[in-house]
């Protein structure tokens, strides 16, 4: 999924779709850990950096981030790249 986000960084509609699918896939801790291991966090942050003025993309990124950080245990394992 993160590969789809990176591959479609300049294609707004495809990027938005990939972000929405990522959020839908984050249904439990096992799925979230797999998404994080696959680079979902880096992909979301890159989308935010690439589209800083696009409110729709930023909202989709925030939704995906919220879904990924489903509980304190998972959130404590995440290190946000600066």
N, C-alpha and C. Protein backbone atom coordinates (compact mmCIF):
# COMPACT_ATOMS: atom_id res chain seq x y z
N UNK A 1 0.82 -1.19 0.00
CA UNK A 1 0.00 0.00 0.00
C UNK A 1 0.87 1.26 0.00
N UNK A 2 1.92 1.27 0.81
CA UNK A 2 2.77 2.45 0.85
C UNK A 2 3.44 2.68 -0.50
N UNK A 3 3.73 1.59 -1.22
CA UNK A 3 4.32 1.73 -2.55
C UNK A 3 3.36 2.44 -3.49
N UNK A 4 2.08 2.17 -3.34
CA UNK A 4 1.07 2.83 -4.16
C UNK A 4 1.03 4.33 -3.87
N UNK A 5 1.19 4.68 -2.61
CA UNK A 5 1.19 6.10 -2.24
C UNK A 5 2.41 6.78 -2.84
N UNK A 6 3.59 6.17 -2.67
CA UNK A 6 4.80 6.77 -3.23
C UNK A 6 4.71 6.86 -4.76
N UNK A 7 4.18 5.83 -5.41
CA UNK A 7 4.11 5.80 -6.87
C UNK A 7 3.14 6.83 -7.42
N UNK A 8 2.15 7.23 -6.62
CA UNK A 8 1.12 8.15 -7.10
C UNK A 8 1.18 9.51 -6.42
N UNK A 9 2.35 9.88 -5.94
CA UNK A 9 2.49 11.12 -5.19
C UNK A 9 2.04 12.35 -5.99
N UNK A 10 2.22 12.33 -7.29
CA UNK A 10 1.85 13.49 -8.11
C UNK A 10 0.47 13.33 -8.77
N UNK A 11 -0.14 12.18 -8.61
CA UNK A 11 -1.48 11.93 -9.16
C UNK A 11 -2.46 12.05 -7.99
N UNK A 12 -3.06 13.22 -7.86
CA UNK A 12 -3.88 13.54 -6.69
C UNK A 12 -4.99 12.52 -6.45
N UNK A 13 -5.73 12.16 -7.47
CA UNK A 13 -6.85 11.25 -7.29
C UNK A 13 -6.38 9.86 -6.85
N UNK A 14 -5.33 9.36 -7.47
CA UNK A 14 -4.79 8.04 -7.10
C UNK A 14 -4.21 8.08 -5.69
N UNK A 15 -3.54 9.17 -5.34
CA UNK A 15 -2.98 9.32 -4.00
C UNK A 15 -4.09 9.33 -2.96
N UNK A 16 -5.13 10.10 -3.22
CA UNK A 16 -6.25 10.17 -2.29
C UNK A 16 -6.89 8.79 -2.12
N UNK A 17 -7.06 8.08 -3.21
CA UNK A 17 -7.62 6.74 -3.14
C UNK A 17 -6.73 5.81 -2.31
N UNK A 18 -5.43 5.86 -2.53
CA UNK A 18 -4.49 5.01 -1.79
C UNK A 18 -4.53 5.33 -0.29
N UNK A 19 -4.61 6.61 0.05
CA UNK A 19 -4.68 7.00 1.46
C UNK A 19 -5.97 6.50 2.10
N UNK A 20 -7.06 6.58 1.38
CA UNK A 20 -8.34 6.11 1.90
C UNK A 20 -8.34 4.59 2.09
N UNK A 21 -7.74 3.88 1.15
CA UNK A 21 -7.64 2.42 1.27
C UNK A 21 -6.75 2.06 2.46
N UNK A 22 -5.65 2.76 2.62
CA UNK A 22 -4.76 2.51 3.75
C UNK A 22 -5.53 2.65 5.06
N UNK A 23 -6.30 3.71 5.19
CA UNK A 23 -7.08 3.93 6.42
C UNK A 23 -8.08 2.79 6.63
N UNK A 24 -8.67 2.30 5.56
CA UNK A 24 -9.64 1.21 5.68
C UNK A 24 -8.97 -0.11 6.06
N UNK A 25 -7.73 -0.30 5.64
CA UNK A 25 -7.01 -1.54 5.95
C UNK A 25 -6.56 -1.61 7.41
N UNK A 26 -6.45 -0.48 8.05
CA UNK A 26 -5.97 -0.42 9.44
C UNK A 26 -7.09 -0.79 10.40
N UNK A 27 -7.48 -2.07 10.37
CA UNK A 27 -8.67 -2.49 11.12
C UNK A 27 -8.35 -3.13 12.47
N UNK A 28 -7.12 -3.58 12.64
CA UNK A 28 -6.75 -4.17 13.93
C UNK A 28 -5.24 -4.03 14.10
N UNK A 29 -4.76 -4.41 15.26
CA UNK A 29 -3.35 -4.20 15.57
C UNK A 29 -2.44 -4.97 14.62
N UNK A 30 -2.81 -6.18 14.26
CA UNK A 30 -1.99 -6.97 13.34
C UNK A 30 -1.86 -6.29 11.98
N UNK A 31 -2.96 -5.79 11.46
CA UNK A 31 -2.94 -5.10 10.17
C UNK A 31 -2.14 -3.82 10.26
N UNK A 32 -2.32 -3.10 11.34
CA UNK A 32 -1.59 -1.84 11.53
C UNK A 32 -0.09 -2.08 11.58
N UNK A 33 0.33 -3.09 12.33
CA UNK A 33 1.76 -3.38 12.43
C UNK A 33 2.33 -3.77 11.07
N UNK A 34 1.56 -4.50 10.28
CA UNK A 34 2.02 -4.86 8.93
C UNK A 34 2.14 -3.62 8.04
N UNK A 35 1.17 -2.72 8.15
CA UNK A 35 1.22 -1.48 7.36
C UNK A 35 2.41 -0.62 7.76
N UNK A 36 2.65 -0.51 9.06
CA UNK A 36 3.79 0.28 9.53
C UNK A 36 5.10 -0.35 9.07
N UNK A 37 5.18 -1.66 9.14
CA UNK A 37 6.40 -2.35 8.70
C UNK A 37 6.64 -2.14 7.20
N UNK A 38 5.56 -1.99 6.44
CA UNK A 38 5.65 -1.79 5.00
C UNK A 38 5.94 -0.34 4.62
N UNK A 39 6.04 0.55 5.61
CA UNK A 39 6.40 1.93 5.31
C UNK A 39 5.25 2.90 5.19
N UNK A 40 4.11 2.55 5.75
CA UNK A 40 2.93 3.41 5.63
C UNK A 40 3.16 4.80 6.24
N UNK A 41 3.81 4.84 7.37
CA UNK A 41 4.04 6.13 8.03
C UNK A 41 4.89 7.05 7.16
N UNK A 42 5.97 6.54 6.61
CA UNK A 42 6.82 7.35 5.73
C UNK A 42 6.05 7.83 4.51
N UNK A 43 5.20 6.98 3.97
CA UNK A 43 4.43 7.35 2.79
C UNK A 43 3.44 8.47 3.11
N UNK A 44 2.79 8.37 4.26
CA UNK A 44 1.83 9.40 4.66
C UNK A 44 2.54 10.73 4.88
N UNK A 45 3.65 10.69 5.57
CA UNK A 45 4.40 11.93 5.83
C UNK A 45 4.89 12.55 4.52
N UNK A 46 5.34 11.73 3.59
CA UNK A 46 5.78 12.25 2.30
C UNK A 46 4.62 12.88 1.55
N UNK A 47 3.45 12.28 1.64
CA UNK A 47 2.26 12.87 0.99
C UNK A 47 1.94 14.23 1.60
N UNK A 48 2.09 14.35 2.91
CA UNK A 48 1.84 15.64 3.58
C UNK A 48 2.87 16.69 3.15
N UNK A 49 4.10 16.27 3.00
CA UNK A 49 5.16 17.20 2.57
C UNK A 49 4.97 17.61 1.12
N UNK A 50 4.51 16.69 0.30
CA UNK A 50 4.34 16.96 -1.14
C UNK A 50 3.12 17.83 -1.40
N UNK A 51 2.12 17.74 -0.57
CA UNK A 51 0.85 18.46 -0.78
C UNK A 51 0.47 19.31 0.44
N UNK A 52 1.34 20.22 0.86
CA UNK A 52 1.08 20.97 2.10
C UNK A 52 -0.11 21.92 2.02
N UNK A 53 -0.56 22.26 0.82
CA UNK A 53 -1.66 23.20 0.67
C UNK A 53 -2.96 22.54 0.22
N UNK A 54 -2.99 21.23 0.17
CA UNK A 54 -4.18 20.51 -0.30
C UNK A 54 -4.93 19.96 0.92
N UNK A 55 -5.98 20.65 1.30
CA UNK A 55 -6.73 20.29 2.51
C UNK A 55 -7.32 18.89 2.44
N UNK A 56 -7.73 18.45 1.28
CA UNK A 56 -8.34 17.13 1.13
C UNK A 56 -7.29 16.04 1.34
N UNK A 57 -6.13 16.21 0.73
CA UNK A 57 -5.04 15.24 0.91
C UNK A 57 -4.59 15.23 2.36
N UNK A 58 -4.43 16.40 2.96
CA UNK A 58 -4.00 16.47 4.35
C UNK A 58 -5.01 15.81 5.28
N UNK A 59 -6.29 15.99 5.01
CA UNK A 59 -7.33 15.34 5.82
C UNK A 59 -7.25 13.83 5.69
N UNK A 60 -7.03 13.34 4.48
CA UNK A 60 -6.89 11.90 4.27
C UNK A 60 -5.66 11.36 4.98
N UNK A 61 -4.58 12.14 4.97
CA UNK A 61 -3.36 11.75 5.69
C UNK A 61 -3.63 11.68 7.19
N UNK A 62 -4.31 12.67 7.71
CA UNK A 62 -4.62 12.68 9.15
C UNK A 62 -5.52 11.51 9.52
N UNK A 63 -6.50 11.21 8.67
CA UNK A 63 -7.37 10.06 8.92
C UNK A 63 -6.56 8.77 8.95
N UNK A 64 -5.66 8.61 7.99
CA UNK A 64 -4.83 7.40 7.93
C UNK A 64 -3.94 7.32 9.17
N UNK A 65 -3.34 8.44 9.56
CA UNK A 65 -2.50 8.45 10.76
C UNK A 65 -3.29 8.06 12.00
N UNK A 66 -4.49 8.60 12.13
CA UNK A 66 -5.33 8.28 13.29
C UNK A 66 -5.66 6.80 13.33
N UNK A 67 -5.93 6.23 12.18
CA UNK A 67 -6.26 4.80 12.12
C UNK A 67 -5.04 3.95 12.43
N UNK A 68 -3.85 4.40 12.03
CA UNK A 68 -2.64 3.63 12.30
C UNK A 68 -2.27 3.64 13.78
N UNK A 69 -2.54 4.72 14.44
CA UNK A 69 -2.15 4.85 15.85
C UNK A 69 -3.33 4.43 16.72
N UNK A 70 -3.72 3.17 16.59
CA UNK A 70 -4.96 2.67 17.18
C UNK A 70 -4.93 2.55 18.69
N UNK A 71 -3.77 2.42 19.25
CA UNK A 71 -3.70 2.35 20.71
C UNK A 71 -2.32 2.83 21.18
N UNK A 72 -2.20 3.00 22.45
CA UNK A 72 -0.96 3.56 23.01
C UNK A 72 0.24 2.66 22.76
N UNK A 73 0.04 1.33 22.78
CA UNK A 73 1.15 0.41 22.55
C UNK A 73 1.71 0.58 21.14
N UNK A 74 0.83 0.66 20.16
CA UNK A 74 1.28 0.85 18.77
C UNK A 74 1.88 2.23 18.62
N UNK A 75 1.21 3.24 19.13
CA UNK A 75 1.70 4.62 19.00
C UNK A 75 3.09 4.78 19.61
N UNK A 76 3.34 4.09 20.71
CA UNK A 76 4.65 4.23 21.35
C UNK A 76 5.77 3.59 20.54
N UNK A 77 5.43 2.70 19.62
CA UNK A 77 6.42 2.05 18.77
C UNK A 77 6.79 2.89 17.54
N UNK A 78 5.98 3.89 17.25
CA UNK A 78 6.16 4.69 16.04
C UNK A 78 7.14 5.81 16.31
N UNK A 79 8.08 5.96 15.44
CA UNK A 79 9.03 7.08 15.49
C UNK A 79 8.81 7.90 14.24
N UNK A 80 8.39 9.11 14.41
CA UNK A 80 8.10 9.98 13.29
C UNK A 80 9.39 10.56 12.72
N UNK A 81 9.63 10.33 11.42
CA UNK A 81 10.84 10.91 10.81
C UNK A 81 10.71 12.42 10.69
N UNK A 82 11.76 13.11 10.97
CA UNK A 82 11.71 14.57 10.88
C UNK A 82 12.36 15.06 9.62
